[in-house]
Amino acid sequence: MRYVLLVVGDERPWAEAGPEERKAVYDRWGAYDRFLTERGAGRGGHELAPSSTATTIRKDGDRILVTDGPYAETVEQISGYLVIEAADLDEAVELATPLPSDVEIRPITELETS
């Protein structure tokens, strides 16, 4: 079964981080990527640009509203995602635990096509 790991956090510390702090974070992420590779569980993922670069589309019947900024105005934003392969939620939690960030785990719905 595939799961998406939504990486969640406050963007301010990252925006204020210097080059050495950012390198340390990327090094931790590199170690996590190697962990997933060794487990054969990684299926891809990406860091996202800051939420300030987001564009949100809201639909109200036939009316469409396009606004700048993220869908939700909160301190914590989704800053990236990973897709993993796991036997079940317990294994997904085990695989997500070493992440150097808070994470939301969601199963990916597999659509059947005929």
PDB file of N, CA and C in Angstrom:
ATOM      1  N   MET A   1       0.843  -1.172   0.000  1.00  0.00           N
ATOM      2  CA  MET A   1       0.000   0.000   0.000  1.00  0.00           C
ATOM      3  C   MET A   1       0.892   1.240   0.000  1.00  0.00           C
ATOM      4  N   ARG A   2       0.445   2.268  -0.723  1.00  0.00           N
ATOM      5  CA  ARG A   2       1.214   3.505  -0.754  1.00  0.00           C
ATOM      6  C   ARG A   2       0.609   4.522   0.206  1.00  0.00           C
ATOM      7  N   TYR A   3       1.500   5.305   0.811  1.00  0.00           N
ATOM      8  CA  TYR A   3       1.109   6.375   1.731  1.00  0.00           C
ATOM      9  C   TYR A   3       1.842   7.642   1.324  1.00  0.00           C
ATOM     10  N   VAL A   4       1.203   8.781   1.577  1.00  0.00           N
ATOM     11  CA  VAL A   4       1.895  10.053   1.408  1.00  0.00           C
ATOM     12  C   VAL A   4       2.210  10.582   2.801  1.00  0.00           C
ATOM     13  N   LEU A   5       3.434  11.047   2.967  1.00  0.00           N
ATOM     14  CA  LEU A   5       3.867  11.685   4.205  1.00  0.00           C
ATOM     15  C   LEU A   5       3.898  13.180   3.927  1.00  0.00           C
ATOM     16  N   LEU A   6       2.981  13.907   4.540  1.00  0.00           N
ATOM     17  CA  LEU A   6       2.922  15.352   4.360  1.00  0.00           C
ATOM     18  C   LEU A   6       3.773  16.000   5.445  1.00  0.00           C
ATOM     19  N   VAL A   7       4.835  16.644   5.047  1.00  0.00           N
ATOM     20  CA  VAL A   7       5.775  17.262   5.974  1.00  0.00           C
ATOM     21  C   VAL A   7       5.192  18.606   6.407  1.00  0.00           C
ATOM     22  N   VAL A   8       5.029  18.773   7.722  1.00  0.00           N
ATOM     23  CA  VAL A   8       4.336  19.932   8.266  1.00  0.00           C
ATOM     24  C   VAL A   8       5.266  20.699   9.208  1.00  0.00           C
ATOM     25  N   GLY A   9       5.224  22.007   9.143  1.00  0.00           N
ATOM     26  CA  GLY A   9       6.025  22.786  10.077  1.00  0.00           C
ATOM     27  C   GLY A   9       5.847  24.274   9.901  1.00  0.00           C
ATOM     28  N   ASP A  10       6.446  25.004  10.809  1.00  0.00           N
ATOM     29  CA  ASP A  10       6.463  26.463  10.792  1.00  0.00           C
ATOM     30  C   ASP A  10       7.560  26.892   9.813  1.00  0.00           C
ATOM     31  N   GLU A  11       7.226  27.669   8.824  1.00  0.00           N
ATOM     32  CA  GLU A  11       8.194  28.086   7.803  1.00  0.00           C
ATOM     33  C   GLU A  11       9.171  29.158   8.288  1.00  0.00           C
ATOM     34  N   ARG A  12       8.820  29.871   9.335  1.00  0.00           N
ATOM     35  CA  ARG A  12       9.663  30.991   9.792  1.00  0.00           C
ATOM     36  C   ARG A  12      11.084  30.570  10.157  1.00  0.00           C
ATOM     37  N   PRO A  13      11.281  29.514  10.954  1.00  0.00           N
ATOM     38  CA  PRO A  13      12.668  29.138  11.281  1.00  0.00           C
ATOM     39  C   PRO A  13      13.500  28.823  10.039  1.00  0.00           C
ATOM     40  N   TRP A  14      12.884  28.198   9.036  1.00  0.00           N
ATOM     41  CA  TRP A  14      13.613  27.869   7.814  1.00  0.00           C
ATOM     42  C   TRP A  14      13.980  29.147   7.068  1.00  0.00           C
ATOM     43  N   ALA A  15      13.054  30.091   6.995  1.00  0.00           N
ATOM     44  CA  ALA A  15      13.314  31.353   6.296  1.00  0.00           C
ATOM     45  C   ALA A  15      14.439  32.129   6.969  1.00  0.00           C
ATOM     46  N   GLU A  16      14.565  31.984   8.293  1.00  0.00           N
ATOM     47  CA  GLU A  16      15.575  32.717   9.061  1.00  0.00           C
ATOM     48  C   GLU A  16      16.893  31.946   9.210  1.00  0.00           C
ATOM     49  N   ALA A  17      16.922  30.695   8.764  1.00  0.00           N
ATOM     50  CA  ALA A  17      18.112  29.853   8.932  1.00  0.00           C
ATOM     51  C   ALA A  17      19.242  30.315   8.022  1.00  0.00           C
ATOM     52  N   GLY A  18      20.457  30.211   8.545  1.00  0.00           N
ATOM     53  CA  GLY A  18      21.636  30.524   7.754  1.00  0.00           C
ATOM     54  C   GLY A  18      22.091  29.305   6.974  1.00  0.00           C
ATOM     55  N   PRO A  19      23.120  29.467   6.162  1.00  0.00           N
ATOM     56  CA  PRO A  19      23.609  28.375   5.320  1.00  0.00           C
ATOM     57  C   PRO A  19      24.014  27.124   6.102  1.00  0.00           C
ATOM     58  N   GLU A  20      24.663  27.292   7.253  1.00  0.00           N
ATOM     59  CA  GLU A  20      25.091  26.120   8.039  1.00  0.00           C
ATOM     60  C   GLU A  20      23.887  25.376   8.609  1.00  0.00           C
ATOM     61  N   GLU A  21      22.894  26.126   9.088  1.00  0.00           N
ATOM     62  CA  GLU A  21      21.681  25.489   9.623  1.00  0.00           C
ATOM     63  C   GLU A  21      20.931  24.745   8.520  1.00  0.00           C
ATOM     64  N   ARG A  22      20.833  25.346   7.361  1.00  0.00           N
ATOM     65  CA  ARG A  22      20.145  24.694   6.240  1.00  0.00           C
ATOM     66  C   ARG A  22      20.882  23.438   5.800  1.00  0.00           C
ATOM     67  N   LYS A  23      22.213  23.498   5.760  1.00  0.00           N
ATOM     68  CA  LYS A  23      22.995  22.319   5.387  1.00  0.00           C
ATOM     69  C   LYS A  23      22.758  21.192   6.386  1.00  0.00           C
ATOM     70  N   ALA A  24      22.712  21.512   7.670  1.00  0.00           N
ATOM     71  CA  ALA A  24      22.471  20.492   8.693  1.00  0.00           C
ATOM     72  C   ALA A  24      21.105  19.834   8.493  1.00  0.00           C
ATOM     73  N   VAL A  25      20.107  20.627   8.151  1.00  0.00           N
ATOM     74  CA  VAL A  25      18.766  20.080   7.905  1.00  0.00           C
ATOM     75  C   VAL A  25      18.799  19.186   6.668  1.00  0.00           C
ATOM     76  N   TYR A  26      19.413  19.664   5.589  1.00  0.00           N
ATOM     77  CA  TYR A  26      19.493  18.850   4.375  1.00  0.00           C
ATOM     78  C   TYR A  26      20.280  17.564   4.621  1.00  0.00           C
ATOM     79  N   ASP A  27      21.291  17.616   5.471  1.00  0.00           N
ATOM     80  CA  ASP A  27      22.037  16.401   5.810  1.00  0.00           C
ATOM     81  C   ASP A  27      21.134  15.389   6.514  1.00  0.00           C
ATOM     82  N   ARG A  28      20.276  15.864   7.429  1.00  0.00           N
ATOM     83  CA  ARG A  28      19.333  14.956   8.104  1.00  0.00           C
ATOM     84  C   ARG A  28      18.341  14.363   7.107  1.00  0.00           C
ATOM     85  N   TRP A  29      17.891  15.185   6.170  1.00  0.00           N
ATOM     86  CA  TRP A  29      16.985  14.677   5.145  1.00  0.00           C
ATOM     87  C   TRP A  29      17.687  13.670   4.236  1.00  0.00           C
ATOM     88  N   GLY A  30      18.950  13.907   3.946  1.00  0.00           N
ATOM     89  CA  GLY A  30      19.712  12.943   3.146  1.00  0.00           C
ATOM     90  C   GLY A  30      19.819  11.607   3.847  1.00  0.00           C
ATOM     91  N   ALA A  31      20.052  11.639   5.155  1.00  0.00           N
ATOM     92  CA  ALA A  31      20.118  10.406   5.937  1.00  0.00           C
ATOM     93  C   ALA A  31      18.769   9.697   5.918  1.00  0.00           C
ATOM     94  N   TYR A  32      17.691  10.445   6.011  1.00  0.00           N
ATOM     95  CA  TYR A  32      16.362   9.832   5.972  1.00  0.00           C
ATOM     96  C   TYR A  32      16.099   9.212   4.602  1.00  0.00           C
ATOM     97  N   ASP A  33      16.512   9.898   3.531  1.00  0.00           N
ATOM     98  CA  ASP A  33      16.353   9.354   2.182  1.00  0.00           C
ATOM     99  C   ASP A  33      17.117   8.039   2.036  1.00  0.00           C
ATOM    100  N   ARG A  34      18.328   7.977   2.591  1.00  0.00           N
ATOM    101  CA  ARG A  34      19.108   6.728   2.541  1.00  0.00           C
ATOM    102  C   ARG A  34      18.397   5.621   3.324  1.00  0.00           C
ATOM    103  N   PHE A  35      17.795   5.965   4.469  1.00  0.00           N
ATOM    104  CA  PHE A  35      17.025   5.006   5.269  1.00  0.00           C
ATOM    105  C   PHE A  35      15.892   4.411   4.431  1.00  0.00           C
ATOM    106  N   LEU A  36      15.126   5.280   3.745  1.00  0.00           N
ATOM    107  CA  LEU A  36      14.026   4.774   2.917  1.00  0.00           C
ATOM    108  C   LEU A  36      14.538   3.915   1.772  1.00  0.00           C
ATOM    109  N   THR A  37      15.650   4.311   1.165  1.00  0.00           N
ATOM    110  CA  THR A  37      16.236   3.544   0.075  1.00  0.00           C
ATOM    111  C   THR A  37      16.660   2.166   0.557  1.00  0.00           C
ATOM    112  N   GLU A  38      17.319   2.112   1.716  1.00  0.00           N
ATOM    113  CA  GLU A  38      17.743   0.823   2.280  1.00  0.00           C
ATOM    114  C   GLU A  38      16.547  -0.078   2.563  1.00  0.00           C
ATOM    115  N   ARG A  39      15.435   0.488   2.973  1.00  0.00           N
ATOM    116  CA  ARG A  39      14.220  -0.278   3.256  1.00  0.00           C
ATOM    117  C   ARG A  39      13.431  -0.601   1.983  1.00  0.00           C
ATOM    118  N   GLY A  40      13.814  -0.004   0.875  1.00  0.00           N
ATOM    119  CA  GLY A  40      13.086  -0.218  -0.375  1.00  0.00           C
ATOM    120  C   GLY A  40      11.697   0.397  -0.348  1.00  0.00           C
ATOM    121  N   ALA A  41      11.500   1.436   0.472  1.00  0.00           N
ATOM    122  CA  ALA A  41      10.161   1.986   0.690  1.00  0.00           C
ATOM    123  C   ALA A  41       9.926   3.325   0.012  1.00  0.00           C
ATOM    124  N   GLY A  42      10.977   4.017  -0.386  1.00  0.00           N
ATOM    125  CA  GLY A  42      10.807   5.344  -0.976  1.00  0.00           C
ATOM    126  C   GLY A  42      10.228   5.276  -2.372  1.00  0.00           C
ATOM    127  N   ARG A  43       9.278   6.147  -2.661  1.00  0.00           N
ATOM    128  CA  ARG A  43       8.665   6.210  -3.986  1.00  0.00           C
ATOM    129  C   ARG A  43       8.684   7.628  -4.544  1.00  0.00           C
ATOM    130  N   GLY A  44       9.458   8.527  -3.919  1.00  0.00           N
ATOM    131  CA  GLY A  44       9.580   9.889  -4.425  1.00  0.00           C
ATOM    132  C   GLY A  44       9.088  10.912  -3.432  1.00  0.00           C
ATOM    133  N   GLY A  45       9.266  12.148  -3.785  1.00  0.00           N
ATOM    134  CA  GLY A  45       8.830  13.253  -2.948  1.00  0.00           C
ATOM    135  C   GLY A  45       9.583  14.508  -3.322  1.00  0.00           C
ATOM    136  N   HIS A  46       9.122  15.616  -2.773  1.00  0.00           N
ATOM    137  CA  HIS A  46       9.742  16.895  -3.080  1.00  0.00           C
ATOM    138  C   HIS A  46       9.537  17.884  -1.950  1.00  0.00           C
ATOM    139  N   GLU A  47      10.502  18.787  -1.822  1.00  0.00           N
ATOM    140  CA  GLU A  47      10.327  19.966  -0.982  1.00  0.00           C
ATOM    141  C   GLU A  47       9.441  20.928  -1.770  1.00  0.00           C
ATOM    142  N   LEU A  48       8.561  21.631  -1.079  1.00  0.00           N
ATOM    143  CA  LEU A  48       7.706  22.605  -1.738  1.00  0.00           C
ATOM    144  C   LEU A  48       8.225  24.014  -1.487  1.00  0.00           C
ATOM    145  N   ALA A  49       7.964  24.903  -2.422  1.00  0.00           N
ATOM    146  CA  ALA A  49       8.303  26.319  -2.238  1.00  0.00           C
ATOM    147  C   ALA A  49       7.466  26.853  -1.074  1.00  0.00           C
ATOM    148  N   PRO A  50       7.863  27.965  -0.473  1.00  0.00           N
ATOM    149  CA  PRO A  50       7.113  28.510   0.669  1.00  0.00           C
ATOM    150  C   PRO A  50       5.629  28.711   0.350  1.00  0.00           C
ATOM    151  N   SER A  51       4.808  28.626   1.383  1.00  0.00           N
ATOM    152  CA  SER A  51       3.357  28.774   1.187  1.00  0.00           C
ATOM    153  C   SER A  51       2.992  30.145   0.631  1.00  0.00           C
ATOM    154  N   SER A  52       3.858  31.127   0.799  1.00  0.00           N
ATOM    155  CA  SER A  52       3.583  32.461   0.246  1.00  0.00           C
ATOM    156  C   SER A  52       3.541  32.436  -1.279  1.00  0.00           C
ATOM    157  N   THR A  53       4.085  31.398  -1.904  1.00  0.00           N
ATOM    158  CA  THR A  53       4.068  31.286  -3.372  1.00  0.00           C
ATOM    159  C   THR A  53       2.843  30.534  -3.877  1.00  0.00           C
ATOM    160  N   ALA A  54       2.004  30.051  -2.961  1.00  0.00           N
ATOM    161  CA  ALA A  54       0.835  29.247  -3.341  1.00  0.00           C
ATOM    162  C   ALA A  54      -0.229  30.108  -4.014  1.00  0.00           C
ATOM    163  N   THR A  55      -1.003  29.471  -4.852  1.00  0.00           N
ATOM    164  CA  THR A  55      -2.211  30.043  -5.436  1.00  0.00           C
ATOM    165  C   THR A  55      -3.338  29.087  -5.095  1.00  0.00           C
ATOM    166  N   THR A  56      -4.434  29.622  -4.585  1.00  0.00           N
ATOM    167  CA  THR A  56      -5.559  28.797  -4.168  1.00  0.00           C
ATOM    168  C   THR A  56      -6.759  29.077  -5.071  1.00  0.00           C
ATOM    169  N   ILE A  57      -7.412  28.016  -5.497  1.00  0.00           N
ATOM    170  CA  ILE A  57      -8.632  28.125  -6.295  1.00  0.00           C
ATOM    171  C   ILE A  57      -9.778  27.588  -5.453  1.00  0.00           C
ATOM    172  N   ARG A  58     -10.773  28.430  -5.234  1.00  0.00           N
ATOM    173  CA  ARG A  58     -11.980  28.016  -4.504  1.00  0.00           C
ATOM    174  C   ARG A  58     -13.160  28.090  -5.468  1.00  0.00           C
ATOM    175  N   LYS A  59     -14.041  27.093  -5.374  1.00  0.00           N
ATOM    176  CA  LYS A  59     -15.206  27.027  -6.254  1.00  0.00           C
ATOM    177  C   LYS A  59     -16.468  27.138  -5.421  1.00  0.00           C
ATOM    178  N   ASP A  60     -17.353  27.987  -5.895  1.00  0.00           N
ATOM    179  CA  ASP A  60     -18.651  28.176  -5.257  1.00  0.00           C
ATOM    180  C   ASP A  60     -19.686  28.102  -6.377  1.00  0.00           C
ATOM    181  N   GLY A  61     -20.189  26.893  -6.619  1.00  0.00           N
ATOM    182  CA  GLY A  61     -21.077  26.705  -7.766  1.00  0.00           C
ATOM    183  C   GLY A  61     -20.312  26.961  -9.042  1.00  0.00           C
ATOM    184  N   ASP A  62     -20.816  27.886  -9.857  1.00  0.00           N
ATOM    185  CA  ASP A  62     -20.143  28.241 -11.111  1.00  0.00           C
ATOM    186  C   ASP A  62     -19.094  29.330 -10.914  1.00  0.00           C
ATOM    187  N   ARG A  63     -19.038  29.880  -9.713  1.00  0.00           N
ATOM    188  CA  ARG A  63     -18.099  30.964  -9.416  1.00  0.00           C
ATOM    189  C   ARG A  63     -16.739  30.386  -9.030  1.00  0.00           C
ATOM    190  N   ILE A  64     -15.680  30.942  -9.577  1.00  0.00           N
ATOM    191  CA  ILE A  64     -14.320  30.504  -9.269  1.00  0.00           C
ATOM    192  C   ILE A  64     -13.553  31.707  -8.730  1.00  0.00           C
ATOM    193  N   LEU A  65     -12.929  31.505  -7.562  1.00  0.00           N
ATOM    194  CA  LEU A  65     -12.150  32.559  -6.933  1.00  0.00           C
ATOM    195  C   LEU A  65     -10.695  32.102  -6.853  1.00  0.00           C
ATOM    196  N   VAL A  66      -9.800  32.866  -7.449  1.00  0.00           N
ATOM    197  CA  VAL A  66      -8.366  32.566  -7.432  1.00  0.00           C
ATOM    198  C   VAL A  66      -7.708  33.590  -6.521  1.00  0.00           C
ATOM    199  N   THR A  67      -6.982  33.096  -5.499  1.00  0.00           N
ATOM    200  CA  THR A  67      -6.314  34.002  -4.562  1.00  0.00           C
ATOM    201  C   THR A  67      -4.859  33.595  -4.382  1.00  0.00           C
ATOM    202  N   ASP A  68      -4.042  34.557  -3.997  1.00  0.00           N
ATOM    203  CA  ASP A  68      -2.651  34.277  -3.662  1.00  0.00           C
ATOM    204  C   ASP A  68      -2.591  33.749  -2.240  1.00  0.00           C
ATOM    205  N   GLY A  69      -1.704  32.795  -2.013  1.00  0.00           N
ATOM    206  CA  GLY A  69      -1.506  32.273  -0.669  1.00  0.00           C
ATOM    207  C   GLY A  69      -2.071  30.883  -0.492  1.00  0.00           C
ATOM    208  N   PRO A  70      -1.749  30.275   0.640  1.00  0.00           N
ATOM    209  CA  PRO A  70      -2.157  28.896   0.902  1.00  0.00           C
ATOM    210  C   PRO A  70      -3.647  28.779   1.179  1.00  0.00           C
ATOM    211  N   TYR A  71      -4.151  27.556   1.113  1.00  0.00           N
ATOM    212  CA  TYR A  71      -5.559  27.285   1.374  1.00  0.00           C
ATOM    213  C   TYR A  71      -5.926  27.666   2.801  1.00  0.00           C
ATOM    214  N   ALA A  72      -5.084  27.267   3.748  1.00  0.00           N
ATOM    215  CA  ALA A  72      -5.345  27.566   5.164  1.00  0.00           C
ATOM    216  C   ALA A  72      -4.327  28.585   5.667  1.00  0.00           C
ATOM    217  N   GLU A  73      -4.792  29.581   6.383  1.00  0.00           N
ATOM    218  CA  GLU A  73      -3.913  30.588   6.984  1.00  0.00           C
ATOM    219  C   GLU A  73      -3.538  30.122   8.386  1.00  0.00           C
ATOM    220  N   THR A  74      -2.483  29.333   8.478  1.00  0.00           N
ATOM    221  CA  THR A  74      -2.018  28.828   9.764  1.00  0.00           C
ATOM    222  C   THR A  74      -0.512  29.011   9.854  1.00  0.00           C
ATOM    223  N   VAL A  75       0.031  28.905  11.061  1.00  0.00           N
ATOM    224  CA  VAL A  75       1.477  28.996  11.250  1.00  0.00           C
ATOM    225  C   VAL A  75       2.159  27.797  10.603  1.00  0.00           C
ATOM    226  N   GLU A  76       1.589  26.607  10.819  1.00  0.00           N
ATOM    227  CA  GLU A  76       2.184  25.399  10.245  1.00  0.00           C
ATOM    228  C   GLU A  76       1.632  25.172   8.846  1.00  0.00           C
ATOM    229  N   GLN A  77       2.536  24.902   7.930  1.00  0.00           N
ATOM    230  CA  GLN A  77       2.176  24.675   6.540  1.00  0.00           C
ATOM    231  C   GLN A  77       2.804  23.371   6.057  1.00  0.00           C
ATOM    232  N   ILE A  78       2.279  22.845   4.968  1.00  0.00           N
ATOM    233  CA  ILE A  78       2.887  21.673   4.337  1.00  0.00           C
ATOM    234  C   ILE A  78       4.089  22.170   3.548  1.00  0.00           C
ATOM    235  N   SER A  79       5.269  21.649   3.881  1.00  0.00           N
ATOM    236  CA  SER A  79       6.495  22.124   3.233  1.00  0.00           C
ATOM    237  C   SER A  79       7.082  21.104   2.269  1.00  0.00           C
ATOM    238  N   GLY A  80       6.495  19.921   2.214  1.00  0.00           N
ATOM    239  CA  GLY A  80       6.977  18.900   1.302  1.00  0.00           C
ATOM    240  C   GLY A  80       6.162  17.644   1.453  1.00  0.00           C
ATOM    241  N   TYR A  81       6.491  16.660   0.627  1.00  0.00           N
ATOM    242  CA  TYR A  81       5.792  15.387   0.712  1.00  0.00           C
ATOM    243  C   TYR A  81       6.716  14.265   0.267  1.00  0.00           C
ATOM    244  N   LEU A  82       6.429  13.092   0.749  1.00  0.00           N
ATOM    245  CA  LEU A  82       7.116  11.873   0.338  1.00  0.00           C
ATOM    246  C   LEU A  82       6.052  10.816   0.072  1.00  0.00           C
ATOM    247  N   VAL A  83       6.299   9.952  -0.873  1.00  0.00           N
ATOM    248  CA  VAL A  83       5.430   8.810  -1.107  1.00  0.00           C
ATOM    249  C   VAL A  83       6.226   7.573  -0.718  1.00  0.00           C
ATOM    250  N   ILE A  84       5.620   6.738   0.115  1.00  0.00           N
ATOM    251  CA  ILE A  84       6.294   5.518   0.566  1.00  0.00           C
ATOM    252  C   ILE A  84       5.412   4.308   0.291  1.00  0.00           C
ATOM    253  N   GLU A  85       6.031   3.162   0.276  1.00  0.00           N
ATOM    254  CA  GLU A  85       5.340   1.882   0.161  1.00  0.00           C
ATOM    255  C   GLU A  85       5.468   1.189   1.501  1.00  0.00           C
ATOM    256  N   ALA A  86       4.345   0.789   2.070  1.00  0.00           N
ATOM    257  CA  ALA A  86       4.346   0.101   3.360  1.00  0.00           C
ATOM    258  C   ALA A  86       3.242  -0.951   3.361  1.00  0.00           C
ATOM    259  N   ALA A  87       3.449  -2.001   4.124  1.00  0.00           N
ATOM    260  CA  ALA A  87       2.463  -3.084   4.197  1.00  0.00           C
ATOM    261  C   ALA A  87       1.158  -2.610   4.827  1.00  0.00           C
ATOM    262  N   ASP A  88       1.276  -1.717   5.808  1.00  0.00           N
ATOM    263  CA  ASP A  88       0.096  -1.246   6.534  1.00  0.00           C
ATOM    264  C   ASP A  88       0.459   0.044   7.267  1.00  0.00           C
ATOM    265  N   LEU A  89      -0.517   0.592   7.999  1.00  0.00           N
ATOM    266  CA  LEU A  89      -0.287   1.853   8.707  1.00  0.00           C
ATOM    267  C   LEU A  89       0.814   1.715   9.753  1.00  0.00           C
ATOM    268  N   ASP A  90       0.883   0.583  10.429  1.00  0.00           N
ATOM    269  CA  ASP A  90       1.937   0.393  11.431  1.00  0.00           C
ATOM    270  C   ASP A  90       3.319   0.540  10.803  1.00  0.00           C
ATOM    271  N   GLU A  91       3.524  -0.065   9.635  1.00  0.00           N
ATOM    272  CA  GLU A  91       4.817   0.065   8.970  1.00  0.00           C
ATOM    273  C   GLU A  91       5.027   1.492   8.474  1.00  0.00           C
ATOM    274  N   ALA A  92       3.968   2.153   7.999  1.00  0.00           N
ATOM    275  CA  ALA A  92       4.086   3.550   7.560  1.00  0.00           C
ATOM    276  C   ALA A  92       4.528   4.436   8.721  1.00  0.00           C
ATOM    277  N   VAL A  93       3.962   4.204   9.900  1.00  0.00           N
ATOM    278  CA  VAL A  93       4.368   4.971  11.092  1.00  0.00           C
ATOM    279  C   VAL A  93       5.833   4.694  11.411  1.00  0.00           C
ATOM    280  N   GLU A  94       6.226   3.424  11.339  1.00  0.00           N
ATOM    281  CA  GLU A  94       7.627   3.053  11.599  1.00  0.00           C
ATOM    282  C   GLU A  94       8.564   3.757  10.616  1.00  0.00           C
ATOM    283  N   LEU A  95       8.167   3.817   9.347  1.00  0.00           N
ATOM    284  CA  LEU A  95       8.997   4.456   8.333  1.00  0.00           C
ATOM    285  C   LEU A  95       9.018   5.975   8.479  1.00  0.00           C
ATOM    286  N   ALA A  96       7.947   6.559   9.004  1.00  0.00           N
ATOM    287  CA  ALA A  96       7.865   8.008   9.146  1.00  0.00           C
ATOM    288  C   ALA A  96       8.534   8.516  10.418  1.00  0.00           C
ATOM    289  N   THR A  97       8.675   7.662  11.413  1.00  0.00           N
ATOM    290  CA  THR A  97       9.205   8.083  12.711  1.00  0.00           C
ATOM    291  C   THR A  97      10.584   8.743  12.630  1.00  0.00           C
ATOM    292  N   PRO A  98      11.527   8.259  11.804  1.00  0.00           N
ATOM    293  CA  PRO A  98      12.842   8.915  11.750  1.00  0.00           C
ATOM    294  C   PRO A  98      12.862  10.264  11.019  1.00  0.00           C
ATOM    295  N   LEU A  99      11.737  10.658  10.411  1.00  0.00           N
ATOM    296  CA  LEU A  99      11.708  11.942   9.704  1.00  0.00           C
ATOM    297  C   LEU A  99      12.173  13.074  10.610  1.00  0.00           C
ATOM    298  N   PRO A 100      12.967  14.007  10.090  1.00  0.00           N
ATOM    299  CA  PRO A 100      13.419  15.135  10.907  1.00  0.00           C
ATOM    300  C   PRO A 100      12.392  16.262  10.957  1.00  0.00           C
ATOM    301  N   SER A 101      11.118  15.937  10.912  1.00  0.00           N
ATOM    302  CA  SER A 101      10.059  16.942  10.909  1.00  0.00           C
ATOM    303  C   SER A 101       8.761  16.289  11.366  1.00  0.00           C
ATOM    304  N   ASP A 102       7.776  17.123  11.708  1.00  0.00           N
ATOM    305  CA  ASP A 102       6.436  16.602  11.961  1.00  0.00           C
ATOM    306  C   ASP A 102       5.864  16.127  10.634  1.00  0.00           C
ATOM    307  N   VAL A 103       4.942  15.162  10.709  1.00  0.00           N
ATOM    308  CA  VAL A 103       4.418  14.588   9.477  1.00  0.00           C
ATOM    309  C   VAL A 103       2.978  14.134   9.670  1.00  0.00           C
ATOM    310  N   GLU A 104       2.200  14.271   8.622  1.00  0.00           N
ATOM    311  CA  GLU A 104       0.855  13.705   8.564  1.00  0.00           C
ATOM    312  C   GLU A 104       0.913  12.558   7.569  1.00  0.00           C
ATOM    313  N   ILE A 105       0.401  11.403   7.954  1.00  0.00           N
ATOM    314  CA  ILE A 105       0.426  10.212   7.101  1.00  0.00           C
ATOM    315  C   ILE A 105      -0.981   9.987   6.555  1.00  0.00           C
ATOM    316  N   ARG A 106      -1.060   9.806   5.244  1.00  0.00           N
ATOM    317  CA  ARG A 106      -2.359   9.484   4.636  1.00  0.00           C
ATOM    318  C   ARG A 106      -2.194   8.371   3.615  1.00  0.00           C
ATOM    319  N   PRO A 107      -3.092   7.392   3.649  1.00  0.00           N
ATOM    320  CA  PRO A 107      -3.058   6.374   2.604  1.00  0.00           C
ATOM    321  C   PRO A 107      -3.443   7.004   1.263  1.00  0.00           C
ATOM    322  N   ILE A 108      -2.858   6.502   0.209  1.00  0.00           N
ATOM    323  CA  ILE A 108      -3.206   6.950  -1.130  1.00  0.00           C
ATOM    324  C   ILE A 108      -4.315   6.043  -1.637  1.00  0.00           C
ATOM    325  N   THR A 109      -5.379   6.636  -2.094  1.00  0.00           N
ATOM    326  CA  THR A 109      -6.490   5.869  -2.641  1.00  0.00           C
ATOM    327  C   THR A 109      -6.118   5.374  -4.026  1.00  0.00           C
ATOM    328  N   GLU A 110      -6.149   4.085  -4.189  1.00  0.00           N
ATOM    329  CA  GLU A 110      -5.846   3.483  -5.483  1.00  0.00           C
ATOM    330  C   GLU A 110      -7.154   3.359  -6.246  1.00  0.00           C
ATOM    331  N   LEU A 111      -7.275   4.066  -7.358  1.00  0.00           N
ATOM    332  CA  LEU A 111      -8.486   4.026  -8.158  1.00  0.00           C
ATOM    333  C   LEU A 111      -8.450   2.831  -9.092  1.00  0.00           C
ATOM    334  N   GLU A 112      -9.555   2.147  -9.136  1.00  0.00           N
ATOM    335  CA  GLU A 112      -9.664   1.017 -10.066  1.00  0.00           C
ATOM    336  C   GLU A 112     -10.142   1.538 -11.397  1.00  0.00           C
ATOM    337  N   THR A 113      -9.480   1.103 -12.452  1.00  0.00           N
ATOM    338  CA  THR A 113      -9.907   1.487 -13.796  1.00  0.00           C
ATOM    339  C   THR A 113     -10.353   0.236 -14.525  1.00  0.00           C
ATOM    340  N   SER A 114     -11.332   0.400 -15.363  1.00  0.00           N
ATOM    341  CA  SER A 114     -11.838  -0.777 -16.095  1.00  0.00           C
ATOM    342  C   SER A 114     -11.482  -0.701 -17.552  1.00  0.00           C
TER     343      SER A 114
END
